Amino acid sequence: MPTPPSSPRRVVLLGSTGSIGTQALDLIGRNPDRFTVVGLAAGGSTPDSVALLAQQAVRWAVEVVAVHGATAAQELQLAIYAAAKEGGYETGSFRL
């Protein structure tokens, strides 16, 4: 088995709310010494996928989140604030 790099690989995950994306995040979560999630993207075609993307963004404290469409972007912003509040962030402590 190869030796892990001295610093974790920075990962941008496209399609993070799909089956493969959620499995990839599970794998990354089990190997925090090897990977760091810095960006997430999803289509945002349903309210459930927008909510999941928001939860993932808060959970992984990513630098960048992308979603397709202006309406989905607005929904994502609201969902991120809701997910941050559920995650224990106080008002004003979580910024987009």
N, C-alpha and C. Protein backbone atom coordinates (compact mmCIF):
# COMPACT_ATOMS: atom_id res chain seq x y z
N MET A 1 0.85 -1.18 0.00
CA MET A 1 0.00 0.00 0.00
C MET A 1 0.89 1.24 0.00
N PRO A 2 0.60 2.21 -0.88
CA PRO A 2 1.45 3.41 -0.95
C PRO A 2 1.36 4.25 0.31
N THR A 3 2.44 4.93 0.59
CA THR A 3 2.48 5.83 1.74
C THR A 3 1.66 7.07 1.43
N PRO A 4 0.77 7.49 2.37
CA PRO A 4 -0.02 8.69 2.11
C PRO A 4 0.87 9.92 2.01
N PRO A 5 0.46 10.89 1.19
CA PRO A 5 1.26 12.12 1.09
C PRO A 5 1.31 12.84 2.42
N SER A 6 2.31 13.72 2.57
CA SER A 6 2.47 14.42 3.84
C SER A 6 1.31 15.37 4.13
N SER A 7 0.67 15.88 3.10
CA SER A 7 -0.50 16.72 3.31
C SER A 7 -1.66 16.13 2.51
N PRO A 8 -2.88 16.27 3.02
CA PRO A 8 -4.03 15.67 2.34
C PRO A 8 -4.25 16.25 0.94
N ARG A 9 -4.74 15.41 0.05
CA ARG A 9 -5.10 15.88 -1.29
C ARG A 9 -6.36 16.71 -1.20
N ARG A 10 -6.36 17.82 -1.90
CA ARG A 10 -7.52 18.72 -1.92
C ARG A 10 -8.47 18.24 -3.02
N VAL A 11 -9.73 18.01 -2.66
CA VAL A 11 -10.70 17.41 -3.57
C VAL A 11 -11.85 18.37 -3.85
N VAL A 12 -12.21 18.51 -5.13
CA VAL A 12 -13.43 19.18 -5.55
C VAL A 12 -14.31 18.07 -6.12
N LEU A 13 -15.49 17.91 -5.55
CA LEU A 13 -16.36 16.80 -5.92
C LEU A 13 -17.55 17.30 -6.73
N LEU A 14 -17.63 16.88 -7.98
CA LEU A 14 -18.75 17.22 -8.84
C LEU A 14 -19.81 16.13 -8.69
N GLY A 15 -21.06 16.53 -8.58
CA GLY A 15 -22.13 15.55 -8.40
C GLY A 15 -22.16 14.99 -7.00
N SER A 16 -21.91 15.83 -6.01
CA SER A 16 -21.76 15.36 -4.63
C SER A 16 -23.04 14.81 -4.02
N THR A 17 -24.20 15.14 -4.57
CA THR A 17 -25.46 14.66 -3.98
C THR A 17 -25.94 13.35 -4.59
N GLY A 18 -25.29 12.90 -5.64
CA GLY A 18 -25.66 11.63 -6.27
C GLY A 18 -25.07 10.45 -5.51
N SER A 19 -25.40 9.26 -5.97
CA SER A 19 -24.94 8.04 -5.32
C SER A 19 -23.42 7.95 -5.24
N ILE A 20 -22.76 8.18 -6.35
CA ILE A 20 -21.30 8.10 -6.37
C ILE A 20 -20.69 9.22 -5.53
N GLY A 21 -21.28 10.42 -5.60
CA GLY A 21 -20.78 11.54 -4.82
C GLY A 21 -20.88 11.31 -3.32
N THR A 22 -22.01 10.78 -2.86
CA THR A 22 -22.16 10.53 -1.43
C THR A 22 -21.24 9.41 -0.97
N GLN A 23 -21.01 8.42 -1.84
CA GLN A 23 -20.07 7.35 -1.50
C GLN A 23 -18.64 7.89 -1.43
N ALA A 24 -18.31 8.80 -2.33
CA ALA A 24 -16.98 9.41 -2.31
C ALA A 24 -16.77 10.20 -1.02
N LEU A 25 -17.79 10.95 -0.60
CA LEU A 25 -17.68 11.70 0.66
C LEU A 25 -17.54 10.77 1.86
N ASP A 26 -18.22 9.64 1.81
CA ASP A 26 -18.08 8.65 2.88
C ASP A 26 -16.65 8.13 2.94
N LEU A 27 -16.09 7.82 1.79
CA LEU A 27 -14.70 7.35 1.72
C LEU A 27 -13.73 8.42 2.22
N ILE A 28 -13.95 9.65 1.80
CA ILE A 28 -13.10 10.76 2.23
C ILE A 28 -13.20 10.94 3.74
N GLY A 29 -14.41 10.82 4.28
CA GLY A 29 -14.62 10.95 5.72
C GLY A 29 -13.89 9.90 6.53
N ARG A 30 -13.69 8.73 5.93
CA ARG A 30 -12.96 7.66 6.61
C ARG A 30 -11.45 7.77 6.43
N ASN A 31 -11.02 8.74 5.63
CA ASN A 31 -9.59 8.94 5.37
C ASN A 31 -9.21 10.42 5.45
N PRO A 32 -9.48 11.07 6.59
CA PRO A 32 -9.22 12.51 6.70
C PRO A 32 -7.74 12.87 6.60
N ASP A 33 -6.87 11.92 6.85
CA ASP A 33 -5.44 12.19 6.73
C ASP A 33 -4.99 12.21 5.27
N ARG A 34 -5.83 11.69 4.38
CA ARG A 34 -5.46 11.61 2.96
C ARG A 34 -6.17 12.62 2.07
N PHE A 35 -7.37 13.08 2.51
CA PHE A 35 -8.18 13.95 1.65
C PHE A 35 -8.80 15.11 2.44
N THR A 36 -8.95 16.25 1.76
CA THR A 36 -9.68 17.40 2.28
C THR A 36 -10.62 17.87 1.19
N VAL A 37 -11.90 17.99 1.52
CA VAL A 37 -12.88 18.47 0.54
C VAL A 37 -12.84 19.99 0.54
N VAL A 38 -12.58 20.57 -0.62
CA VAL A 38 -12.51 22.03 -0.73
C VAL A 38 -13.63 22.61 -1.58
N GLY A 39 -14.31 21.76 -2.35
CA GLY A 39 -15.39 22.25 -3.20
C GLY A 39 -16.40 21.17 -3.51
N LEU A 40 -17.65 21.59 -3.65
CA LEU A 40 -18.75 20.68 -3.98
C LEU A 40 -19.59 21.29 -5.09
N ALA A 41 -20.15 20.44 -5.93
CA ALA A 41 -21.07 20.91 -6.98
C ALA A 41 -22.15 19.87 -7.20
N ALA A 42 -23.35 20.36 -7.53
CA ALA A 42 -24.47 19.47 -7.83
C ALA A 42 -25.43 20.20 -8.76
N GLY A 43 -26.29 19.43 -9.41
CA GLY A 43 -27.25 20.02 -10.34
C GLY A 43 -28.30 20.86 -9.66
N GLY A 44 -28.73 20.45 -8.47
CA GLY A 44 -29.73 21.22 -7.74
C GLY A 44 -31.10 21.20 -8.38
N SER A 45 -31.44 20.07 -9.01
CA SER A 45 -32.71 20.00 -9.73
C SER A 45 -33.91 19.76 -8.82
N THR A 46 -33.66 19.34 -7.58
CA THR A 46 -34.77 19.11 -6.65
C THR A 46 -34.46 19.79 -5.32
N PRO A 47 -35.50 20.13 -4.56
CA PRO A 47 -35.26 20.71 -3.23
C PRO A 47 -34.44 19.79 -2.32
N ASP A 48 -34.65 18.47 -2.46
CA ASP A 48 -33.88 17.54 -1.63
C ASP A 48 -32.39 17.58 -1.95
N SER A 49 -32.06 17.70 -3.24
CA SER A 49 -30.63 17.75 -3.60
C SER A 49 -30.00 19.06 -3.15
N VAL A 50 -30.75 20.15 -3.19
CA VAL A 50 -30.24 21.43 -2.70
C VAL A 50 -30.01 21.36 -1.20
N ALA A 51 -30.94 20.77 -0.47
CA ALA A 51 -30.80 20.63 0.98
C ALA A 51 -29.60 19.75 1.33
N LEU A 52 -29.42 18.66 0.60
CA LEU A 52 -28.29 17.77 0.85
C LEU A 52 -26.98 18.48 0.54
N LEU A 53 -26.92 19.21 -0.56
CA LEU A 53 -25.71 19.97 -0.90
C LEU A 53 -25.37 20.98 0.19
N ALA A 54 -26.38 21.63 0.73
CA ALA A 54 -26.16 22.59 1.82
C ALA A 54 -25.60 21.89 3.05
N GLN A 55 -26.17 20.74 3.40
CA GLN A 55 -25.67 19.98 4.55
C GLN A 55 -24.22 19.56 4.33
N GLN A 56 -23.91 19.12 3.12
CA GLN A 56 -22.54 18.72 2.80
C GLN A 56 -21.59 19.91 2.90
N ALA A 57 -22.01 21.06 2.40
CA ALA A 57 -21.17 22.25 2.43
C ALA A 57 -20.81 22.64 3.86
N VAL A 58 -21.80 22.57 4.74
CA VAL A 58 -21.56 22.91 6.15
C VAL A 58 -20.72 21.83 6.81
N ARG A 59 -21.04 20.58 6.57
CA ARG A 59 -20.32 19.46 7.19
C ARG A 59 -18.83 19.48 6.84
N TRP A 60 -18.53 19.76 5.57
CA TRP A 60 -17.15 19.71 5.11
C TRP A 60 -16.47 21.08 5.13
N ALA A 61 -17.21 22.13 5.48
CA ALA A 61 -16.66 23.50 5.54
C ALA A 61 -15.86 23.82 4.28
N VAL A 62 -16.51 23.61 3.14
CA VAL A 62 -15.83 23.79 1.86
C VAL A 62 -15.62 25.26 1.52
N GLU A 63 -14.66 25.51 0.65
CA GLU A 63 -14.36 26.87 0.21
C GLU A 63 -15.31 27.32 -0.90
N VAL A 64 -15.78 26.37 -1.72
CA VAL A 64 -16.59 26.69 -2.89
C VAL A 64 -17.74 25.70 -3.01
N VAL A 65 -18.94 26.23 -3.33
CA VAL A 65 -20.10 25.39 -3.61
C VAL A 65 -20.72 25.90 -4.91
N ALA A 66 -21.04 24.99 -5.81
CA ALA A 66 -21.65 25.38 -7.08
C ALA A 66 -22.91 24.58 -7.33
N VAL A 67 -23.89 25.26 -7.91
CA VAL A 67 -25.15 24.62 -8.27
C VAL A 67 -25.61 25.24 -9.58
N HIS A 68 -26.36 24.50 -10.36
CA HIS A 68 -26.80 24.97 -11.68
C HIS A 68 -28.10 25.76 -11.56
N GLY A 69 -28.10 26.98 -12.06
CA GLY A 69 -29.32 27.78 -12.14
C GLY A 69 -29.44 28.82 -11.04
N ALA A 70 -29.96 29.98 -11.42
CA ALA A 70 -30.11 31.09 -10.47
C ALA A 70 -31.09 30.76 -9.35
N THR A 71 -32.19 30.11 -9.68
CA THR A 71 -33.17 29.75 -8.66
C THR A 71 -32.57 28.78 -7.67
N ALA A 72 -31.85 27.78 -8.16
CA ALA A 72 -31.22 26.80 -7.28
C ALA A 72 -30.17 27.47 -6.41
N ALA A 73 -29.47 28.48 -6.94
CA ALA A 73 -28.46 29.19 -6.15
C ALA A 73 -29.10 29.92 -4.98
N GLN A 74 -30.24 30.55 -5.22
CA GLN A 74 -30.95 31.24 -4.13
C GLN A 74 -31.44 30.23 -3.10
N GLU A 75 -31.98 29.12 -3.57
CA GLU A 75 -32.45 28.07 -2.65
C GLU A 75 -31.28 27.52 -1.85
N LEU A 76 -30.13 27.36 -2.51
CA LEU A 76 -28.94 26.84 -1.83
C LEU A 76 -28.49 27.78 -0.72
N GLN A 77 -28.50 29.07 -0.98
CA GLN A 77 -28.08 30.03 0.04
C GLN A 77 -28.95 29.91 1.28
N LEU A 78 -30.26 29.85 1.10
CA LEU A 78 -31.16 29.70 2.24
C LEU A 78 -30.95 28.37 2.94
N ALA A 79 -30.74 27.31 2.16
CA ALA A 79 -30.54 25.98 2.74
C ALA A 79 -29.23 25.91 3.52
N ILE A 80 -28.20 26.61 3.06
CA ILE A 80 -26.92 26.62 3.79
C ILE A 80 -27.10 27.30 5.14
N TYR A 81 -27.81 28.41 5.16
CA TYR A 81 -28.05 29.08 6.44
C TYR A 81 -28.83 28.16 7.39
N ALA A 82 -29.84 27.47 6.87
CA ALA A 82 -30.62 26.55 7.69
C ALA A 82 -29.76 25.40 8.20
N ALA A 83 -28.92 24.84 7.33
CA ALA A 83 -28.04 23.74 7.73
C ALA A 83 -27.01 24.20 8.75
N ALA A 84 -26.51 25.41 8.60
CA ALA A 84 -25.55 25.95 9.57
C ALA A 84 -26.20 26.11 10.93
N LYS A 85 -27.43 26.60 10.94
CA LYS A 85 -28.15 26.77 12.20
C LYS A 85 -28.37 25.42 12.87
N GLU A 86 -28.79 24.42 12.07
CA GLU A 86 -28.97 23.07 12.61
C GLU A 86 -27.66 22.49 13.11
N GLY A 87 -26.56 22.88 12.48
CA GLY A 87 -25.24 22.39 12.86
C GLY A 87 -24.66 23.07 14.08
N GLY A 88 -25.40 24.02 14.66
CA GLY A 88 -24.94 24.64 15.88
C GLY A 88 -24.24 25.97 15.71
N TYR A 89 -24.17 26.47 14.48
CA TYR A 89 -23.56 27.78 14.28
C TYR A 89 -24.51 28.85 14.81
N GLU A 90 -23.97 29.83 15.48
CA GLU A 90 -24.78 30.93 15.97
C GLU A 90 -24.98 31.95 14.86
N THR A 91 -25.99 32.77 14.99
CA THR A 91 -26.27 33.80 13.99
C THR A 91 -25.04 34.67 13.79
N GLY A 92 -24.64 34.82 12.54
CA GLY A 92 -23.50 35.65 12.22
C GLY A 92 -22.16 34.94 12.24
N SER A 93 -22.10 33.69 12.75
CA SER A 93 -20.82 33.01 12.83
C SER A 93 -20.52 32.18 11.58
N PHE A 94 -21.52 32.00 10.74
CA PHE A 94 -21.33 31.27 9.48
C PHE A 94 -21.62 32.22 8.34
N ARG A 95 -20.65 32.39 7.45
CA ARG A 95 -20.81 33.37 6.37
C ARG A 95 -20.63 32.71 5.02
N LEU A 96 -21.38 33.22 4.07
CA LEU A 96 -21.25 32.75 2.68
C LEU A 96 -20.28 33.65 1.94
